[in-house]
Every structure is written in structure tokens, then in C-alpha cells.
């Protein structure tokens, strides 16, 4: 949790990224068009929230907090 300053920031950032990952997977199935980046970690889980938390944990994405 060194990358984020609070649990709330972690929850908001991971939920936002999970929504992006979910839309990316839907675009692969032809359900929705989107411009989001594919998951940046190799993980066996197919759950978007797990993937998002893993990306944050491995510092593959940058979290910018609005002040």
C-alpha cells in the first residue's frame, strides 16, 4: 500500500481500473467499443478487481489523486 496514501484511495482506484478492464473484456467479445488498455499483468484470475489490485500492487499503473 506504499503507492497509495489511504485505503479509500486504493478502493476508488482499483474499482475504476476494474471497470476499465471489464469494458476491455467486453470489447473483445464485441459487446462494447472502448479505448482502454489491456491488463498489464499476467494473472490466471479473470476477475477484473483482482487484476486491478494486482496491477496496483506491482506498480504497473500510476494513481493520480485529485486534491
PDB file of N, CA and C in Angstrom:
ATOM      1  N   UNK A   1       0.824  -1.193   0.000  1.00  0.00           N
ATOM      2  CA  UNK A   1       0.000   0.000   0.000  1.00  0.00           C
ATOM      3  C   UNK A   1       0.865   1.254   0.000  1.00  0.00           C
ATOM      4  N   UNK A   2       2.127   1.106  -0.302  1.00  0.00           N
ATOM      5  CA  UNK A   2       3.024   2.255  -0.326  1.00  0.00           C
ATOM      6  C   UNK A   2       2.718   3.200  -1.484  1.00  0.00           C
ATOM      7  N   UNK A   3       2.054   2.690  -2.525  1.00  0.00           N
ATOM      8  CA  UNK A   3       1.760   3.516  -3.688  1.00  0.00           C
ATOM      9  C   UNK A   3       0.574   4.449  -3.442  1.00  0.00           C
ATOM     10  N   UNK A   4      -0.296   4.116  -2.523  1.00  0.00           N
ATOM     11  CA  UNK A   4      -1.467   4.941  -2.229  1.00  0.00           C
ATOM     12  C   UNK A   4      -1.380   5.458  -0.803  1.00  0.00           C
ATOM     13  N   UNK A   5      -2.054   6.588  -0.568  1.00  0.00           N
ATOM     14  CA  UNK A   5      -1.951   7.206   0.745  1.00  0.00           C
ATOM     15  C   UNK A   5      -3.040   6.770   1.720  1.00  0.00           C
ATOM     16  N   UNK A   6      -4.082   6.108   1.222  1.00  0.00           N
ATOM     17  CA  UNK A   6      -5.139   5.653   2.129  1.00  0.00           C
ATOM     18  C   UNK A   6      -5.885   4.466   1.518  1.00  0.00           C
ATOM     19  N   UNK A   7      -6.623   3.785   2.350  1.00  0.00           N
ATOM     20  CA  UNK A   7      -7.423   2.649   1.868  1.00  0.00           C
ATOM     21  C   UNK A   7      -8.522   3.121   0.930  1.00  0.00           C
ATOM     22  N   UNK A   8      -9.059   4.315   1.192  1.00  0.00           N
ATOM     23  CA  UNK A   8     -10.113   4.851   0.336  1.00  0.00           C
ATOM     24  C   UNK A   8      -9.578   5.082  -1.081  1.00  0.00           C
ATOM     25  N   UNK A   9      -8.404   5.649  -1.188  1.00  0.00           N
ATOM     26  CA  UNK A   9      -7.789   5.874  -2.497  1.00  0.00           C
ATOM     27  C   UNK A   9      -7.579   4.553  -3.226  1.00  0.00           C
ATOM     28  N   UNK A  10      -7.132   3.551  -2.502  1.00  0.00           N
ATOM     29  CA  UNK A  10      -6.936   2.223  -3.089  1.00  0.00           C
ATOM     30  C   UNK A  10      -8.257   1.649  -3.589  1.00  0.00           C
ATOM     31  N   UNK A  11      -9.311   1.790  -2.810  1.00  0.00           N
ATOM     32  CA  UNK A  11     -10.619   1.261  -3.199  1.00  0.00           C
ATOM     33  C   UNK A  11     -11.153   1.959  -4.445  1.00  0.00           C
ATOM     34  N   UNK A  12     -11.047   3.272  -4.486  1.00  0.00           N
ATOM     35  CA  UNK A  12     -11.556   4.034  -5.630  1.00  0.00           C
ATOM     36  C   UNK A  12     -10.737   3.735  -6.887  1.00  0.00           C
ATOM     37  N   UNK A  13      -9.422   3.732  -6.757  1.00  0.00           N
ATOM     38  CA  UNK A  13      -8.554   3.487  -7.912  1.00  0.00           C
ATOM     39  C   UNK A  13      -8.735   2.073  -8.462  1.00  0.00           C
ATOM     40  N   UNK A  14      -8.825   1.088  -7.575  1.00  0.00           N
ATOM     41  CA  UNK A  14      -8.981  -0.291  -8.042  1.00  0.00           C
ATOM     42  C   UNK A  14     -10.354  -0.510  -8.673  1.00  0.00           C
ATOM     43  N   UNK A  15     -11.390   0.120  -8.138  1.00  0.00           N
ATOM     44  CA  UNK A  15     -12.728  -0.010  -8.728  1.00  0.00           C
ATOM     45  C   UNK A  15     -12.777   0.635 -10.112  1.00  0.00           C
ATOM     46  N   UNK A  16     -12.142   1.785 -10.246  1.00  0.00           N
ATOM     47  CA  UNK A  16     -12.120   2.468 -11.543  1.00  0.00           C
ATOM     48  C   UNK A  16     -11.384   1.623 -12.582  1.00  0.00           C
ATOM     49  N   UNK A  17     -10.233   1.091 -12.206  1.00  0.00           N
ATOM     50  CA  UNK A  17      -9.461   0.261 -13.138  1.00  0.00           C
ATOM     51  C   UNK A  17     -10.193  -1.045 -13.449  1.00  0.00           C
ATOM     52  N   UNK A  18     -10.886  -1.609 -12.470  1.00  0.00           N
ATOM     53  CA  UNK A  18     -11.651  -2.837 -12.701  1.00  0.00           C
ATOM     54  C   UNK A  18     -12.761  -2.595 -13.724  1.00  0.00           C
ATOM     55  N   UNK A  19     -13.404  -1.439 -13.662  1.00  0.00           N
ATOM     56  CA  UNK A  19     -14.428  -1.108 -14.663  1.00  0.00           C
ATOM     57  C   UNK A  19     -13.809  -1.006 -16.053  1.00  0.00           C
ATOM     58  N   UNK A  20     -12.620  -0.404 -16.139  1.00  0.00           N
ATOM     59  CA  UNK A  20     -11.933  -0.295 -17.428  1.00  0.00           C
ATOM     60  C   UNK A  20     -11.573  -1.677 -17.975  1.00  0.00           C
ATOM     61  N   UNK A  21     -11.078  -2.543 -17.116  1.00  0.00           N
ATOM     62  CA  UNK A  21     -10.714  -3.901 -17.537  1.00  0.00           C
ATOM     63  C   UNK A  21     -11.953  -4.662 -17.989  1.00  0.00           C
ATOM     64  N   UNK A  22     -13.049  -4.508 -17.275  1.00  0.00           N
ATOM     65  CA  UNK A  22     -14.297  -5.174 -17.636  1.00  0.00           C
ATOM     66  C   UNK A  22     -14.778  -4.700 -19.006  1.00  0.00           C
ATOM     67  N   UNK A  23     -14.703  -3.400 -19.266  1.00  0.00           N
ATOM     68  CA  UNK A  23     -15.108  -2.892 -20.574  1.00  0.00           C
ATOM     69  C   UNK A  23     -14.161  -3.379 -21.671  1.00  0.00           C
ATOM     70  N   UNK A  24     -12.888  -3.511 -21.353  1.00  0.00           N
ATOM     71  CA  UNK A  24     -11.928  -4.044 -22.322  1.00  0.00           C
ATOM     72  C   UNK A  24     -12.303  -5.478 -22.701  1.00  0.00           C
ATOM     73  N   UNK A  25     -12.612  -6.313 -21.704  1.00  0.00           N
ATOM     74  CA  UNK A  25     -13.015  -7.695 -21.984  1.00  0.00           C
ATOM     75  C   UNK A  25     -14.307  -7.739 -22.797  1.00  0.00           C
ATOM     76  N   UNK A  26     -15.249  -6.843 -22.499  1.00  0.00           N
ATOM     77  CA  UNK A  26     -16.489  -6.785 -23.270  1.00  0.00           C
ATOM     78  C   UNK A  26     -16.221  -6.366 -24.713  1.00  0.00           C
ATOM     79  N   UNK A  27     -15.252  -5.488 -24.927  1.00  0.00           N
ATOM     80  CA  UNK A  27     -14.935  -5.064 -26.292  1.00  0.00           C
ATOM     81  C   UNK A  27     -14.319  -6.211 -27.095  1.00  0.00           C
ATOM     82  N   UNK A  28     -13.598  -7.097 -26.421  1.00  0.00           N
ATOM     83  CA  UNK A  28     -13.038  -8.258 -27.116  1.00  0.00           C
ATOM     84  C   UNK A  28     -14.134  -9.201 -27.590  1.00  0.00           C
ATOM     85  N   UNK A  29     -15.225  -9.249 -26.843  1.00  0.00           N
ATOM     86  CA  UNK A  29     -16.356 -10.105 -27.227  1.00  0.00           C
ATOM     87  C   UNK A  29     -17.283  -9.402 -28.209  1.00  0.00           C
ATOM     88  N   UNK A  30     -16.988  -8.147 -28.529  1.00  0.00           N
ATOM     89  CA  UNK A  30     -17.801  -7.417 -29.488  1.00  0.00           C
ATOM     90  C   UNK A  30     -19.032  -6.774 -28.896  1.00  0.00           C
ATOM     91  N   UNK A  31     -19.116  -6.683 -27.581  1.00  0.00           N
ATOM     92  CA  UNK A  31     -20.293  -6.110 -26.940  1.00  0.00           C
ATOM     93  C   UNK A  31     -20.233  -4.589 -26.852  1.00  0.00           C
ATOM     94  N   UNK A  32     -19.043  -4.053 -26.698  1.00  0.00           N
ATOM     95  CA  UNK A  32     -18.864  -2.618 -26.471  1.00  0.00           C
ATOM     96  C   UNK A  32     -17.562  -2.191 -27.139  1.00  0.00           C
ATOM     97  N   UNK A  33     -17.503  -0.956 -27.609  1.00  0.00           N
ATOM     98  CA  UNK A  33     -16.241  -0.427 -28.111  1.00  0.00           C
ATOM     99  C   UNK A  33     -15.607   0.409 -27.018  1.00  0.00           C
ATOM    100  N   UNK A  34     -14.298   0.264 -26.856  1.00  0.00           N
ATOM    101  CA  UNK A  34     -13.602   1.068 -25.849  1.00  0.00           C
ATOM    102  C   UNK A  34     -12.152   1.264 -26.259  1.00  0.00           C
ATOM    103  N   UNK A  35     -11.518   2.222 -25.612  1.00  0.00           N
ATOM    104  CA  UNK A  35     -10.120   2.540 -25.890  1.00  0.00           C
ATOM    105  C   UNK A  35      -9.222   2.234 -24.701  1.00  0.00           C
ATOM    106  N   UNK A  36      -9.659   1.380 -23.799  1.00  0.00           N
ATOM    107  CA  UNK A  36      -8.879   1.085 -22.602  1.00  0.00           C
ATOM    108  C   UNK A  36      -7.751   0.106 -22.905  1.00  0.00           C
ATOM    109  N   UNK A  37      -6.726   0.174 -22.080  1.00  0.00           N
ATOM    110  CA  UNK A  37      -5.546  -0.674 -22.226  1.00  0.00           C
ATOM    111  C   UNK A  37      -5.837  -2.050 -21.641  1.00  0.00           C
ATOM    112  N   UNK A  38      -5.283  -3.064 -22.269  1.00  0.00           N
ATOM    113  CA  UNK A  38      -5.454  -4.426 -21.764  1.00  0.00           C
ATOM    114  C   UNK A  38      -4.771  -4.566 -20.405  1.00  0.00           C
ATOM    115  N   UNK A  39      -5.113  -5.604 -19.654  1.00  0.00           N
ATOM    116  CA  UNK A  39      -4.456  -5.817 -18.358  1.00  0.00           C
ATOM    117  C   UNK A  39      -2.939  -5.898 -18.524  1.00  0.00           C
ATOM    118  N   UNK A  40      -2.220  -5.289 -17.598  1.00  0.00           N
ATOM    119  CA  UNK A  40      -0.766  -5.186 -17.699  1.00  0.00           C
ATOM    120  C   UNK A  40      -0.028  -6.219 -16.869  1.00  0.00           C
ATOM    121  N   UNK A  41      -0.734  -7.185 -16.324  1.00  0.00           N
ATOM    122  CA  UNK A  41      -0.106  -8.243 -15.539  1.00  0.00           C
ATOM    123  C   UNK A  41      -0.558  -9.590 -16.080  1.00  0.00           C
ATOM    124  N   UNK A  42       0.282 -10.577 -15.919  1.00  0.00           N
ATOM    125  CA  UNK A  42      -0.086 -11.947 -16.279  1.00  0.00           C
ATOM    126  C   UNK A  42      -0.605 -12.618 -15.022  1.00  0.00           C
ATOM    127  N   UNK A  43      -1.892 -12.895 -15.015  1.00  0.00           N
ATOM    128  CA  UNK A  43      -2.527 -13.484 -13.843  1.00  0.00           C
ATOM    129  C   UNK A  43      -3.604 -14.442 -14.334  1.00  0.00           C
ATOM    130  N   UNK A  44      -3.811 -15.499 -13.619  1.00  0.00           N
ATOM    131  CA  UNK A  44      -4.786 -16.504 -14.036  1.00  0.00           C
ATOM    132  C   UNK A  44      -6.216 -16.091 -13.738  1.00  0.00           C
ATOM    133  N   UNK A  45      -6.396 -15.182 -12.812  1.00  0.00           N
ATOM    134  CA  UNK A  45      -7.738 -14.754 -12.430  1.00  0.00           C
ATOM    135  C   UNK A  45      -8.403 -14.005 -13.579  1.00  0.00           C
ATOM    136  N   UNK A  46      -9.691 -14.200 -13.717  1.00  0.00           N
ATOM    137  CA  UNK A  46     -10.461 -13.498 -14.729  1.00  0.00           C
ATOM    138  C   UNK A  46     -11.312 -12.395 -14.115  1.00  0.00           C
ATOM    139  N   UNK A  47     -11.176 -12.206 -12.818  1.00  0.00           N
ATOM    140  CA  UNK A  47     -11.960 -11.184 -12.136  1.00  0.00           C
ATOM    141  C   UNK A  47     -11.278  -9.824 -12.294  1.00  0.00           C
ATOM    142  N   UNK A  48     -11.997  -8.839 -12.818  1.00  0.00           N
ATOM    143  CA  UNK A  48     -11.394  -7.526 -13.065  1.00  0.00           C
ATOM    144  C   UNK A  48     -10.824  -6.854 -11.814  1.00  0.00           C
ATOM    145  N   UNK A  49     -11.480  -6.987 -10.674  1.00  0.00           N
ATOM    146  CA  UNK A  49     -10.979  -6.349  -9.458  1.00  0.00           C
ATOM    147  C   UNK A  49      -9.665  -6.974  -9.000  1.00  0.00           C
ATOM    148  N   UNK A  50      -9.546  -8.279  -9.107  1.00  0.00           N
ATOM    149  CA  UNK A  50      -8.302  -8.956  -8.744  1.00  0.00           C
ATOM    150  C   UNK A  50      -7.165  -8.511  -9.653  1.00  0.00           C
ATOM    151  N   UNK A  51      -7.453  -8.395 -10.935  1.00  0.00           N
ATOM    152  CA  UNK A  51      -6.443  -7.939 -11.891  1.00  0.00           C
ATOM    153  C   UNK A  51      -6.026  -6.505 -11.575  1.00  0.00           C
ATOM    154  N   UNK A  52      -7.000  -5.648 -11.280  1.00  0.00           N
ATOM    155  CA  UNK A  52      -6.705  -4.247 -10.958  1.00  0.00           C
ATOM    156  C   UNK A  52      -5.839  -4.133  -9.711  1.00  0.00           C
ATOM    157  N   UNK A  53      -6.164  -4.887  -8.680  1.00  0.00           N
ATOM    158  CA  UNK A  53      -5.366  -4.842  -7.450  1.00  0.00           C
ATOM    159  C   UNK A  53      -3.955  -5.366  -7.692  1.00  0.00           C
ATOM    160  N   UNK A  54      -3.831  -6.371  -8.528  1.00  0.00           N
ATOM    161  CA  UNK A  54      -2.504  -6.907  -8.851  1.00  0.00           C
ATOM    162  C   UNK A  54      -1.677  -5.876  -9.625  1.00  0.00           C
ATOM    163  N   UNK A  55      -2.322  -5.153 -10.540  1.00  0.00           N
ATOM    164  CA  UNK A  55      -1.628  -4.096 -11.274  1.00  0.00           C
ATOM    165  C   UNK A  55      -1.128  -3.008 -10.325  1.00  0.00           C
ATOM    166  N   UNK A  56      -1.957  -2.630  -9.378  1.00  0.00           N
ATOM    167  CA  UNK A  56      -1.566  -1.607  -8.403  1.00  0.00           C
ATOM    168  C   UNK A  56      -0.438  -2.130  -7.525  1.00  0.00           C
ATOM    169  N   UNK A  57      -0.551  -3.370  -7.094  1.00  0.00           N
ATOM    170  CA  UNK A  57       0.475  -3.960  -6.241  1.00  0.00           C
ATOM    171  C   UNK A  57       1.829  -4.074  -6.920  1.00  0.00           C
ATOM    172  N   UNK A  58       1.821  -4.339  -8.227  1.00  0.00           N
ATOM    173  CA  UNK A  58       3.072  -4.460  -8.983  1.00  0.00           C
ATOM    174  C   UNK A  58       3.523  -3.130  -9.582  1.00  0.00           C
ATOM    175  N   UNK A  59       2.792  -2.065  -9.253  1.00  0.00           N
ATOM    176  CA  UNK A  59       3.106  -0.702  -9.721  1.00  0.00           C
ATOM    177  C   UNK A  59       3.126  -0.608 -11.243  1.00  0.00           C
ATOM    178  N   UNK A  60       2.189  -1.298 -11.880  1.00  0.00           N
ATOM    179  CA  UNK A  60       2.073  -1.257 -13.334  1.00  0.00           C
ATOM    180  C   UNK A  60       1.230  -0.072 -13.790  1.00  0.00           C
ATOM    181  N   UNK A  61       0.440   0.498 -12.881  1.00  0.00           N
ATOM    182  CA  UNK A  61      -0.353   1.676 -13.202  1.00  0.00           C
ATOM    183  C   UNK A  61      -0.047   2.760 -12.179  1.00  0.00           C
ATOM    184  N   UNK A  62      -0.208   3.993 -12.603  1.00  0.00           N
ATOM    185  CA  UNK A  62       0.065   5.131 -11.735  1.00  0.00           C
ATOM    186  C   UNK A  62      -1.256   5.689 -11.225  1.00  0.00           C
ATOM    187  N   UNK A  63      -1.308   5.959  -9.946  1.00  0.00           N
ATOM    188  CA  UNK A  63      -2.519   6.503  -9.336  1.00  0.00           C
ATOM    189  C   UNK A  63      -2.302   7.988  -9.098  1.00  0.00           C
ATOM    190  N   UNK A  64      -3.154   8.795  -9.720  1.00  0.00           N
ATOM    191  CA  UNK A  64      -3.101  10.239  -9.511  1.00  0.00           C
ATOM    192  C   UNK A  64      -4.349  10.644  -8.749  1.00  0.00           C
ATOM    193  N   UNK A  65      -4.144  11.208  -7.593  1.00  0.00           N
ATOM    194  CA  UNK A  65      -5.266  11.605  -6.745  1.00  0.00           C
ATOM    195  C   UNK A  65      -5.572  13.075  -6.950  1.00  0.00           C
ATOM    196  N   UNK A  66      -6.859  13.385  -7.152  1.00  0.00           N
ATOM    197  CA  UNK A  66      -7.284  14.778  -7.262  1.00  0.00           C
ATOM    198  C   UNK A  66      -7.339  15.380  -5.870  1.00  0.00           C
ATOM    199  N   UNK A  67      -6.816  16.564  -5.739  1.00  0.00           N
ATOM    200  CA  UNK A  67      -6.788  17.218  -4.425  1.00  0.00           C
ATOM    201  C   UNK A  67      -7.846  18.275  -4.354  1.00  0.00           C
TER     202      UNK A  67
END
